[in-house]
């Protein structure tokens, strides 16, 4: 890492260090710092929205080891974080075993982990998990370490061909003005070709996103799924791997919302729980689409949620958001 020296107008190297040299412990320092700075960490990792479930979680009664950090996205995707201060060739194997156990969890098991938490985001997640229509997806794996053995990345690449979502980030530390600065750099999947670690796959940034969406649509059973996808793609690329569109229709009478494709219907979350927002929903839906609240109106994250199951409801929804592009 380089810094600009304003006096000499030169690039000056910043002293590199390691977590060990800086006395940063894996669990007591790094893990705790991530947990206590969850929003900043998620933003740095590129997650738009990820709820914190817990740390040091026992994934199964038969397992003595514990998950370093577990999160879950609004669309129901659990994310297993496995941290190592340096490199460990068994890191991926450990994460896979945890993900396999979490894949067997139901919403009640997630709620059990939240029973002793009472912050606003936890209340919102509890509300989502308590929704009978909420569906859990297959887990994702995120590896974080100072370095990775080649076999870890090669194994992650091979597993990605079978649809196992794995990401790997290196954590780099530098010393600057008596502070230790860290940065996270994604090492897998990479956008290009690296002969040692990663070959180009469908997960690279150059992949055909429309094809991915077509793959996602194959698992949907409601008759207007293709039309809904085509309509929403006129406004946003969306996230095909999570079958979702975020920050949609922000300028509409219903305000900004997130739309998730479920197997049998669309699930929509608005982000305004005010009396005025509720009145607008009632006026524009006219009883054809029923809605309930999620989160708490006193929190920053709250609103109304509803499902769209029929073509008639989808037509009414498009009218409500004043979308004439369909």
Protein backbone atom coordinates (compact mmCIF):
# COMPACT_ATOMS: atom_id res chain seq x y z
CA UNK A 1 0.00 0.00 0.00
CA UNK A 2 1.23 3.49 -0.86
CA UNK A 3 0.42 6.90 0.55
CA UNK A 4 0.86 10.30 -1.07
CA UNK A 5 3.44 12.51 0.59
CA UNK A 6 2.01 16.00 0.10
CA UNK A 7 5.39 17.65 0.72
CA UNK A 8 7.51 15.65 -1.74
CA UNK A 9 4.59 14.78 -4.04
CA UNK A 10 5.79 11.19 -4.06
CA UNK A 11 4.24 7.81 -3.34
CA UNK A 12 5.66 6.45 -0.11
CA UNK A 13 5.26 2.81 0.99
CA UNK A 14 3.22 2.25 4.13
CA UNK A 15 4.74 -0.23 6.53
CA UNK A 16 3.15 -3.62 6.10
CA UNK A 17 2.54 -5.87 9.07
CA UNK A 18 0.59 -8.98 9.95
CA UNK A 19 -2.19 -9.66 12.39
CA UNK A 20 0.22 -11.70 14.48
CA UNK A 21 2.88 -8.95 14.53
CA UNK A 22 0.21 -6.43 15.54
CA UNK A 23 -1.03 -8.76 18.32
CA UNK A 24 -4.46 -9.01 16.71
CA UNK A 25 -5.98 -12.30 17.79
CA UNK A 26 -8.39 -14.20 15.57
CA UNK A 27 -11.31 -14.48 17.99
CA UNK A 28 -10.71 -11.89 20.68
CA UNK A 29 -9.82 -9.04 18.33
CA UNK A 30 -10.70 -9.64 14.66
CA UNK A 31 -13.96 -11.50 15.21
CA UNK A 32 -15.16 -9.14 17.93
CA UNK A 33 -14.31 -6.10 15.81
CA UNK A 34 -16.37 -7.49 12.92
CA UNK A 35 -19.36 -8.22 15.16
CA UNK A 36 -19.25 -4.78 16.78
CA UNK A 37 -18.92 -3.05 13.40
CA UNK A 38 -21.32 -5.24 11.45
CA UNK A 39 -22.74 -2.63 9.07
CA UNK A 40 -19.30 -1.29 8.12
CA UNK A 41 -18.00 -4.83 7.63
CA UNK A 42 -20.93 -5.85 5.41
CA UNK A 43 -20.52 -2.72 3.30
CA UNK A 44 -16.81 -3.47 2.85
CA UNK A 45 -17.67 -7.04 1.78
CA UNK A 46 -20.19 -5.79 -0.77
CA UNK A 47 -23.40 -7.00 0.91
CA UNK A 48 -26.33 -4.66 0.41
CA UNK A 49 -28.16 -6.07 3.40
CA UNK A 50 -27.16 -8.89 5.74
CA UNK A 51 -28.63 -9.57 9.15
CA UNK A 52 -26.33 -10.66 11.95
CA UNK A 53 -27.46 -13.93 13.53
CA UNK A 54 -24.58 -14.58 15.91
CA UNK A 55 -20.99 -15.63 16.49
CA UNK A 56 -19.51 -18.77 18.04
CA UNK A 57 -22.63 -20.72 17.09
CA UNK A 58 -22.84 -24.48 17.51
CA UNK A 59 -24.25 -25.73 14.17
CA UNK A 60 -25.30 -29.16 15.44
CA UNK A 61 -25.55 -30.94 18.78
CA UNK A 62 -23.00 -33.51 17.62
CA UNK A 63 -20.44 -30.83 16.72
CA UNK A 64 -17.91 -29.44 19.21
CA UNK A 65 -16.68 -26.73 16.85
CA UNK A 66 -18.51 -23.45 16.34
CA UNK A 67 -19.31 -21.16 13.42
CA UNK A 68 -17.24 -17.98 13.66
CA UNK A 69 -20.00 -15.71 12.34
CA UNK A 70 -23.40 -16.45 10.83
CA UNK A 71 -25.57 -14.01 8.91
CA UNK A 72 -28.71 -14.29 6.80
CA UNK A 73 -29.93 -12.11 3.95
CA UNK A 74 -33.44 -10.77 3.56
CA UNK A 75 -34.13 -13.32 0.86
CA UNK A 76 -33.32 -16.17 3.25
CA UNK A 77 -29.74 -17.03 2.28
CA UNK A 78 -27.58 -17.98 5.30
CA UNK A 79 -23.96 -16.83 5.07
CA UNK A 80 -21.30 -18.79 6.97
CA UNK A 81 -18.11 -16.79 7.71
CA UNK A 82 -14.97 -18.75 8.55
CA UNK A 83 -12.07 -16.61 9.83
CA UNK A 84 -8.39 -17.52 10.07
CA UNK A 85 -5.62 -15.22 11.20
CA UNK A 86 -3.22 -16.78 8.70
CA UNK A 87 -3.60 -19.58 6.14
CA UNK A 88 -5.16 -22.96 6.89
CA UNK A 89 -5.62 -25.61 4.20
CA UNK A 90 -8.54 -27.08 6.18
CA UNK A 91 -10.43 -23.77 6.32
CA UNK A 92 -12.72 -24.59 3.39
CA UNK A 93 -13.46 -28.11 4.66
CA UNK A 94 -14.43 -26.66 8.03
CA UNK A 95 -16.72 -24.08 6.41
CA UNK A 96 -18.37 -26.69 4.17
CA UNK A 97 -19.22 -28.87 7.16
CA UNK A 98 -20.80 -25.90 8.95
CA UNK A 99 -22.76 -24.89 5.85
CA UNK A 100 -24.02 -28.45 5.44
CA UNK A 101 -25.36 -28.39 9.01
CA UNK A 102 -26.93 -24.93 8.63
CA UNK A 103 -28.61 -26.13 5.42
CA UNK A 104 -30.72 -28.42 7.63
CA UNK A 105 -31.89 -25.56 9.86
CA UNK A 106 -35.45 -24.27 9.74
CA UNK A 107 -36.67 -20.82 10.74
CA UNK A 108 -37.30 -21.98 14.32
CA UNK A 109 -33.64 -22.91 14.65
CA UNK A 110 -32.61 -19.44 13.50
CA UNK A 111 -35.08 -17.84 15.89
CA UNK A 112 -33.54 -19.85 18.72
CA UNK A 113 -30.23 -18.06 18.12
CA UNK A 114 -31.96 -14.68 18.37
CA UNK A 115 -33.92 -15.26 21.57
CA UNK A 116 -31.48 -13.34 23.78
CA UNK A 117 -31.04 -10.38 21.43
CA UNK A 118 -33.28 -7.31 21.52
CA UNK A 119 -31.86 -4.69 19.13
CA UNK A 120 -33.85 -3.20 16.26
CA UNK A 121 -32.27 -5.29 13.50
CA UNK A 122 -32.86 -8.49 15.46
CA UNK A 123 -36.53 -7.59 15.86
CA UNK A 124 -36.76 -7.06 12.12
CA UNK A 125 -35.11 -10.42 11.40
CA UNK A 126 -37.39 -12.15 13.91
CA UNK A 127 -40.34 -10.65 12.09
CA UNK A 128 -39.09 -12.00 8.75
CA UNK A 129 -38.37 -15.46 10.15
CA UNK A 130 -41.81 -15.61 11.77
CA UNK A 131 -43.51 -14.99 8.44
CA UNK A 132 -45.03 -18.35 7.37
CA UNK A 133 -44.12 -17.54 3.74
CA UNK A 134 -40.44 -16.93 4.50
CA UNK A 135 -38.21 -19.50 2.78
CA UNK A 136 -34.61 -20.37 3.59
CA UNK A 137 -32.21 -20.86 0.69
CA UNK A 138 -28.97 -22.84 0.46
CA UNK A 139 -26.09 -21.31 2.49
CA UNK A 140 -23.18 -19.31 1.13
CA UNK A 141 -19.62 -19.62 2.39
CA UNK A 142 -17.22 -16.71 2.95
CA UNK A 143 -13.58 -17.40 3.83
CA UNK A 144 -11.42 -14.66 5.37
CA UNK A 145 -7.69 -15.10 6.02
CA UNK A 146 -4.35 -13.36 5.50
CA UNK A 147 -3.52 -15.89 2.78
CA UNK A 148 -4.88 -19.03 1.15
CA UNK A 149 -3.17 -22.23 0.13
CA UNK A 150 -3.64 -22.93 -3.60
CA UNK A 151 -5.64 -26.09 -2.86
CA UNK A 152 -8.25 -24.05 -0.98
CA UNK A 153 -8.92 -21.80 -3.98
CA UNK A 154 -8.76 -24.66 -6.46
CA UNK A 155 -11.27 -26.65 -4.40
CA UNK A 156 -13.56 -23.60 -4.17
CA UNK A 157 -13.36 -23.19 -7.94
CA UNK A 158 -14.24 -26.84 -8.54
CA UNK A 159 -17.17 -26.71 -6.10
CA UNK A 160 -18.50 -23.57 -7.80
CA UNK A 161 -19.12 -25.67 -10.92
CA UNK A 162 -21.66 -27.60 -8.83
CA UNK A 163 -23.43 -24.45 -7.65
CA UNK A 164 -21.77 -24.15 -4.22
CA UNK A 165 -21.42 -20.38 -3.58
CA UNK A 166 -18.00 -19.68 -2.04
CA UNK A 167 -16.10 -16.41 -1.71
CA UNK A 168 -12.59 -15.91 -0.36
CA UNK A 169 -11.16 -12.61 0.92
CA UNK A 170 -7.63 -11.88 2.09
CA UNK A 171 -7.22 -9.49 4.99
CA UNK A 172 -4.17 -7.22 4.82
CA UNK A 173 -2.81 -5.12 7.68
CA UNK A 174 -0.61 -2.01 7.49
CA UNK A 175 0.70 0.35 10.16
CA UNK A 176 0.09 4.06 9.78
CA UNK A 177 0.54 6.72 12.47
CA UNK A 178 0.37 4.19 15.31
CA UNK A 179 -2.82 2.70 13.87
CA UNK A 180 -3.30 -0.71 12.29
CA UNK A 181 -5.35 -0.42 9.09
CA UNK A 182 -6.88 -3.45 7.41
CA UNK A 183 -8.25 -4.00 3.94
CA UNK A 184 -10.23 -6.86 2.42
CA UNK A 185 -9.43 -8.06 -1.07
CA UNK A 186 -11.56 -10.64 -2.88
CA UNK A 187 -9.41 -13.49 -4.17
CA UNK A 188 -12.22 -15.77 -5.31
CA UNK A 189 -14.15 -15.63 -7.51
CA UNK A 190 -11.91 -13.45 -9.68
CA UNK A 191 -13.09 -11.55 -12.78
CA UNK A 192 -10.22 -12.79 -14.92
CA UNK A 193 -8.02 -15.82 -15.45
CA UNK A 194 -5.35 -16.81 -12.96
CA UNK A 195 -3.46 -19.95 -13.97
CA UNK A 196 -2.50 -20.77 -10.39
CA UNK A 197 -5.76 -20.28 -8.54
CA UNK A 198 -8.84 -19.72 -10.60
CA UNK A 199 -9.96 -20.49 -14.14
CA UNK A 200 -12.74 -18.48 -15.69
CA UNK A 201 -16.16 -19.85 -14.75
CA UNK A 202 -19.76 -18.80 -14.97
CA UNK A 203 -19.27 -17.05 -11.60
CA UNK A 204 -16.84 -14.46 -13.02
CA UNK A 205 -17.91 -10.87 -13.51
CA UNK A 206 -17.94 -11.41 -17.25
CA UNK A 207 -20.59 -14.11 -17.01
CA UNK A 208 -23.91 -13.82 -18.81
CA UNK A 209 -26.30 -12.54 -16.16
CA UNK A 210 -29.37 -13.01 -18.34
CA UNK A 211 -28.54 -16.72 -18.62
CA UNK A 212 -28.30 -16.90 -14.84
CA UNK A 213 -31.73 -15.33 -14.56
CA UNK A 214 -33.11 -17.85 -17.04
CA UNK A 215 -31.72 -20.63 -14.88
CA UNK A 216 -33.38 -19.08 -11.82
CA UNK A 217 -36.73 -18.78 -13.59
CA UNK A 218 -36.79 -22.51 -14.31
CA UNK A 219 -37.53 -23.21 -10.64
CA UNK A 220 -40.52 -20.85 -10.46
CA UNK A 221 -44.06 -22.12 -10.91
CA UNK A 222 -46.29 -19.03 -11.00
CA UNK A 223 -47.49 -18.19 -14.54
CA UNK A 224 -46.41 -14.52 -14.71
CA UNK A 225 -42.81 -15.11 -13.54
CA UNK A 226 -41.27 -14.44 -16.97
CA UNK A 227 -43.30 -11.28 -17.45
CA UNK A 228 -42.42 -10.01 -13.96
CA UNK A 229 -38.73 -10.63 -14.60
CA UNK A 230 -38.86 -8.83 -17.97
CA UNK A 231 -40.67 -5.88 -16.41
CA UNK A 232 -38.26 -5.49 -13.50
CA UNK A 233 -35.18 -5.87 -15.69
CA UNK A 234 -36.19 -2.69 -17.49
CA UNK A 235 -35.39 -0.88 -14.23
CA UNK A 236 -32.56 -2.92 -12.71
CA UNK A 237 -30.26 -5.86 -13.44
CA UNK A 238 -31.25 -7.47 -10.15
CA UNK A 239 -29.46 -10.36 -8.49
CA UNK A 240 -30.17 -13.65 -10.29
CA UNK A 241 -28.36 -15.81 -7.74
CA UNK A 242 -30.69 -14.49 -5.05
CA UNK A 243 -33.67 -14.07 -7.35
CA UNK A 244 -34.22 -10.52 -6.16
CA UNK A 245 -34.45 -6.86 -7.19
CA UNK A 246 -33.48 -4.23 -4.61
CA UNK A 247 -34.29 -0.52 -4.37
CA UNK A 248 -37.10 -0.74 -6.92
CA UNK A 249 -39.69 1.97 -7.70
CA UNK A 250 -38.19 4.54 -5.32
CA UNK A 251 -40.06 7.31 -7.13
CA UNK A 252 -43.43 5.56 -7.12
CA UNK A 253 -46.40 6.32 -4.84
CA UNK A 254 -45.48 3.22 -2.77
CA UNK A 255 -41.84 4.24 -2.34
CA UNK A 256 -38.68 2.15 -2.47
CA UNK A 257 -39.08 -1.61 -2.14
CA UNK A 258 -37.33 -4.94 -2.52
CA UNK A 259 -38.85 -7.71 -4.66
CA UNK A 260 -37.98 -11.39 -4.22
CA UNK A 261 -38.96 -14.23 -6.52
CA UNK A 262 -40.25 -17.21 -4.54
CA UNK A 263 -41.17 -20.51 -6.12
CA UNK A 264 -44.92 -19.82 -6.19
CA UNK A 265 -45.19 -16.02 -5.89
CA UNK A 266 -43.47 -12.66 -5.59
CA UNK A 267 -42.61 -11.38 -2.13
CA UNK A 268 -42.40 -7.59 -1.78
CA UNK A 269 -41.00 -5.49 1.09
CA UNK A 270 -41.59 -1.74 1.26
CA UNK A 271 -39.46 0.48 3.50
CA UNK A 272 -42.02 2.90 4.92
CA UNK A 273 -44.34 1.94 7.78
CA UNK A 274 -45.92 5.35 8.29
CA UNK A 275 -49.72 5.81 8.48
CA UNK A 276 -49.54 7.68 5.18
CA UNK A 277 -47.80 4.71 3.53
CA UNK A 278 -50.43 2.33 4.88
CA UNK A 279 -53.22 4.56 3.60
CA UNK A 280 -51.61 4.65 0.14
CA UNK A 281 -51.39 0.85 0.04
CA UNK A 282 -55.04 0.45 0.99
CA UNK A 283 -56.15 2.99 -1.59
CA UNK A 284 -54.14 1.48 -4.44
CA UNK A 285 -54.62 -2.21 -3.64
CA UNK A 286 -58.32 -1.91 -2.87
CA UNK A 287 -58.34 -5.12 -0.84
CA UNK A 288 -57.07 -7.25 -3.75
CA UNK A 289 -53.61 -7.53 -2.19
CA UNK A 290 -53.36 -8.00 1.56
CA UNK A 291 -50.31 -6.71 3.40
CA UNK A 292 -48.76 -6.92 6.87
CA UNK A 293 -46.00 -5.03 8.66
CA UNK A 294 -42.39 -6.08 9.08
CA UNK A 295 -39.89 -4.62 11.52
CA UNK A 296 -40.97 -1.87 13.90
CA UNK A 297 -42.08 1.60 12.86
CA UNK A 298 -39.66 3.08 15.41
CA UNK A 299 -36.64 1.54 13.65
CA UNK A 300 -34.80 2.63 10.55
CA UNK A 301 -35.65 -0.64 8.80
CA UNK A 302 -39.37 -1.30 8.65
CA UNK A 303 -42.28 -1.27 6.27
CA UNK A 304 -45.02 -3.44 4.81
CA UNK A 305 -44.80 -6.79 3.09
CA UNK A 306 -47.15 -8.62 0.75
CA UNK A 307 -47.24 -11.46 -1.75
CA UNK A 308 -48.32 -11.35 -5.38
CA UNK A 309 -49.71 -14.75 -6.36
CA UNK A 310 -52.01 -14.11 -9.35
CA UNK A 311 -51.81 -12.23 -12.62
CA UNK A 312 -54.67 -10.02 -11.45
CA UNK A 313 -52.69 -9.03 -8.37
CA UNK A 314 -49.61 -8.39 -10.50
CA UNK A 315 -51.63 -6.05 -12.75
CA UNK A 316 -52.89 -4.18 -9.70
CA UNK A 317 -49.33 -3.92 -8.36
CA UNK A 318 -48.06 -2.41 -11.63
CA UNK A 319 -50.89 0.10 -11.56
CA UNK A 320 -50.08 0.96 -7.93
CA UNK A 321 -46.43 1.75 -8.72
CA UNK A 322 -47.47 3.41 -11.99
CA UNK A 323 -45.27 1.15 -14.09
CA UNK A 324 -46.48 1.37 -17.69
CA UNK A 325 -43.49 -0.42 -19.21
CA UNK A 326 -45.01 -3.92 -18.95
